[in-house]
Amino acid sequence: MSPPHYTLKVIVCVHFILMIWGAQFVSLMPTVYWLSNSFVLLLGIWSIASPDSFDAVLMYLILHLFTILEDIVLLGIYQPRASRSIEVNNVQQGVKDEYRFSLGMVITNLILKPLTAFLLWRIYQDRGGRFSDFNFPNLPQFGGSPPGQGNYENIDQPVPTNNVETASSNIEKPHQ
């Protein structure tokens, strides 16, 4: 197996462990946290299962980047609520410890995601994906053709020809 294959396996395993530990305390993060991260990890498993496909890695990378934004939003909404109910109220020390551990794992997972997104981009490039594969019409800076050129065919270039005689040149014209 090539090193990118090991890298992809490590990425999926590390994020799986951190996601499970982060979702351990139910009051901290909603169900959508572990559902969306589990779906993205399934795309990672698909990327491992199809080592020649750069599409699988691209989908994994795009949704991985989305989960970075989603984790920030979910932490911003649900962490203060959980903090008020756990830290401020007098709850058992074990519950506080579980909350703090889960919060630490969610934050660690979030901190590692940009690094793993860069590694996923490198794996995408190693599998043959290119930035120019992103094609937005009429936006040349994003891989599309410049405005007004469309599918330009350069007529100044000679067209490759076959040196094989065609059957039509050997046919005689009827005499009239």
Protein backbone atom coordinates (compact mmCIF):
# COMPACT_ATOMS: atom_id res chain seq x y z
CA MET A 1 0.00 0.00 0.00
CA SER A 2 1.14 3.50 -0.73
CA PRO A 3 1.66 6.11 2.00
CA PRO A 4 -1.44 8.14 1.00
CA HIS A 5 -3.47 5.00 1.68
CA TYR A 6 -2.12 4.87 5.24
CA THR A 7 -2.66 8.61 5.64
CA LEU A 8 -6.30 8.28 4.65
CA LYS A 9 -6.81 5.41 7.09
CA VAL A 10 -5.23 7.38 9.93
CA ILE A 11 -7.38 10.44 9.12
CA VAL A 12 -10.59 8.40 9.19
CA CYS A 13 -9.64 6.54 12.39
CA VAL A 14 -8.55 9.66 14.30
CA HIS A 15 -11.67 11.62 13.37
CA PHE A 16 -13.85 8.62 14.19
CA ILE A 17 -12.37 8.30 17.69
CA LEU A 18 -12.54 12.05 18.38
CA MET A 19 -16.09 12.26 17.05
CA ILE A 20 -17.26 9.36 19.24
CA TRP A 21 -15.60 10.84 22.32
CA GLY A 22 -17.03 14.28 21.51
CA ALA A 23 -20.56 12.95 21.08
CA GLN A 24 -20.33 11.03 24.36
CA PHE A 25 -21.98 13.81 26.38
CA VAL A 26 -25.44 14.16 24.83
CA SER A 27 -26.20 17.64 26.21
CA LEU A 28 -23.09 19.17 24.63
CA MET A 29 -23.67 18.54 20.92
CA PRO A 30 -26.93 17.71 19.12
CA THR A 31 -27.59 14.53 17.17
CA VAL A 32 -26.76 16.28 13.90
CA TYR A 33 -23.11 16.50 15.04
CA TRP A 34 -22.49 12.79 15.07
CA LEU A 35 -24.83 12.08 12.14
CA SER A 36 -23.10 14.51 9.78
CA ASN A 37 -19.62 13.52 10.92
CA SER A 38 -20.51 9.83 10.56
CA PHE A 39 -21.71 10.41 7.00
CA VAL A 40 -18.50 12.23 6.15
CA LEU A 41 -16.48 9.39 7.69
CA LEU A 42 -18.41 6.95 5.48
CA LEU A 43 -17.15 8.97 2.51
CA GLY A 44 -13.67 8.50 3.95
CA ILE A 45 -14.22 4.75 4.05
CA TRP A 46 -15.40 4.92 0.42
CA SER A 47 -12.16 6.76 -0.41
CA ILE A 48 -10.18 3.96 1.22
CA ALA A 49 -12.19 1.26 -0.56
CA SER A 50 -11.67 2.83 -4.01
CA PRO A 51 -7.99 3.79 -4.11
CA ASP A 52 -8.04 4.86 -7.78
CA SER A 53 -10.99 7.26 -7.51
CA PHE A 54 -10.21 10.91 -6.95
CA ASP A 55 -13.95 11.68 -6.90
CA ALA A 56 -14.37 9.85 -3.60
CA VAL A 57 -11.59 11.89 -2.02
CA LEU A 58 -13.00 15.11 -3.48
CA MET A 59 -16.43 14.46 -2.00
CA TYR A 60 -14.82 13.56 1.32
CA LEU A 61 -12.77 16.76 1.23
CA ILE A 62 -15.69 19.04 0.36
CA LEU A 63 -17.98 17.65 3.06
CA HIS A 64 -15.06 17.58 5.52
CA LEU A 65 -14.66 21.32 4.94
CA PHE A 66 -18.40 21.75 5.49
CA THR A 67 -18.19 19.95 8.84
CA ILE A 68 -15.54 22.46 9.97
CA LEU A 69 -18.08 25.25 9.52
CA GLU A 70 -20.85 23.13 11.01
CA ASP A 71 -18.80 22.26 14.10
CA ILE A 72 -18.03 25.94 14.70
CA VAL A 73 -21.72 26.84 14.46
CA LEU A 74 -22.83 23.95 16.67
CA LEU A 75 -20.18 24.74 19.29
CA GLY A 76 -21.21 28.38 19.28
CA ILE A 77 -24.86 27.50 19.82
CA TYR A 78 -24.77 24.49 22.13
CA GLN A 79 -21.61 24.90 24.21
CA PRO A 80 -22.79 27.99 26.17
CA ARG A 81 -26.09 26.26 26.88
CA ALA A 82 -24.37 23.12 28.13
CA SER A 83 -21.86 25.17 30.10
CA ARG A 84 -24.62 27.03 31.93
CA SER A 85 -26.43 23.83 32.82
CA ILE A 86 -23.30 21.92 33.88
CA GLU A 87 -20.70 24.36 35.19
CA VAL A 88 -22.98 26.90 36.89
CA ASN A 89 -25.44 24.49 38.49
CA ASN A 90 -24.26 22.21 41.23
CA VAL A 91 -24.04 18.87 39.44
CA GLN A 92 -21.97 15.85 40.29
CA GLN A 93 -18.25 16.06 39.58
CA GLY A 94 -18.43 13.02 37.27
CA VAL A 95 -20.92 14.78 35.02
CA LYS A 96 -18.68 17.88 34.89
CA ASP A 97 -15.70 15.71 34.00
CA GLU A 98 -17.62 13.95 31.24
CA TYR A 99 -18.76 17.32 29.85
CA ARG A 100 -15.21 18.73 29.91
CA PHE A 101 -13.77 15.61 28.28
CA SER A 102 -16.35 15.68 25.48
CA LEU A 103 -15.83 19.40 24.96
CA GLY A 104 -12.06 18.86 24.74
CA MET A 105 -12.51 16.11 22.15
CA VAL A 106 -14.88 18.22 20.04
CA ILE A 107 -12.41 21.12 20.10
CA THR A 108 -9.45 18.81 19.34
CA ASN A 109 -11.39 17.33 16.41
CA LEU A 110 -12.13 20.83 15.15
CA ILE A 111 -8.49 21.91 15.47
CA LEU A 112 -7.28 18.86 13.51
CA LYS A 113 -9.78 19.25 10.68
CA PRO A 114 -7.93 21.99 8.73
CA LEU A 115 -4.72 19.92 8.85
CA THR A 116 -6.51 16.82 7.65
CA ALA A 117 -8.25 18.87 4.94
CA PHE A 118 -4.80 19.82 3.63
CA LEU A 119 -3.75 16.16 3.71
CA LEU A 120 -6.95 15.19 1.87
CA TRP A 121 -6.16 17.80 -0.77
CA ARG A 122 -2.71 16.24 -1.23
CA ILE A 123 -4.24 12.78 -1.54
CA TYR A 124 -6.70 14.18 -4.09
CA GLN A 125 -3.79 15.54 -6.13
CA ASP A 126 -1.86 12.25 -5.81
CA ARG A 127 -4.82 10.37 -7.23
CA GLY A 128 -4.89 12.58 -10.29
CA GLY A 129 -7.29 15.33 -9.30
CA ARG A 130 -6.47 18.88 -10.40
CA PHE A 131 -7.74 22.29 -9.45
CA SER A 132 -8.67 22.84 -13.08
CA ASP A 133 -11.26 20.08 -12.73
CA PHE A 134 -13.43 22.65 -10.96
CA ASN A 135 -15.18 24.27 -13.88
CA PHE A 136 -17.36 27.30 -13.31
CA PRO A 137 -18.60 28.64 -16.67
CA ASN A 138 -17.28 32.07 -17.70
CA LEU A 139 -14.96 32.34 -14.70
CA PRO A 140 -11.44 31.73 -16.03
CA GLN A 141 -9.85 32.12 -12.60
CA PHE A 142 -11.81 29.02 -11.49
CA GLY A 143 -10.90 26.78 -14.41
CA GLY A 144 -13.61 27.83 -16.87
CA SER A 145 -13.03 29.30 -20.30
CA PRO A 146 -12.63 33.08 -20.59
CA PRO A 147 -15.79 35.02 -21.44
CA GLY A 148 -16.59 35.14 -25.14
CA GLN A 149 -14.32 32.25 -26.12
CA GLY A 150 -16.49 29.29 -25.18
CA ASN A 151 -15.17 26.10 -26.74
CA TYR A 152 -12.56 27.81 -28.87
CA GLU A 153 -10.97 25.76 -31.62
CA ASN A 154 -7.74 27.16 -33.01
CA ILE A 155 -7.98 26.95 -36.81
CA ASP A 156 -4.35 28.00 -37.26
CA GLN A 157 -3.16 24.62 -36.06
CA PRO A 158 -2.91 21.91 -38.73
CA VAL A 159 -5.38 19.10 -38.38
CA PRO A 160 -3.72 15.70 -38.13
CA THR A 161 -4.40 13.67 -41.23
CA ASN A 162 -4.35 10.00 -42.01
CA ASN A 163 -2.09 8.82 -44.79
CA VAL A 164 -4.60 6.15 -45.70
CA GLU A 165 -6.33 6.56 -49.03
CA THR A 166 -10.05 6.75 -48.82
CA ALA A 167 -12.33 4.67 -50.96
CA SER A 168 -13.91 7.72 -52.54
CA SER A 169 -10.74 8.69 -54.42
CA ASN A 170 -10.63 5.42 -56.32
CA ILE A 171 -14.20 5.57 -57.57
CA GLU A 172 -14.52 6.61 -61.20
CA LYS A 173 -17.13 9.06 -62.27
CA PRO A 174 -19.71 7.73 -64.71
CA HIS A 175 -19.32 8.92 -68.29
CA GLN A 176 -22.11 11.01 -69.62
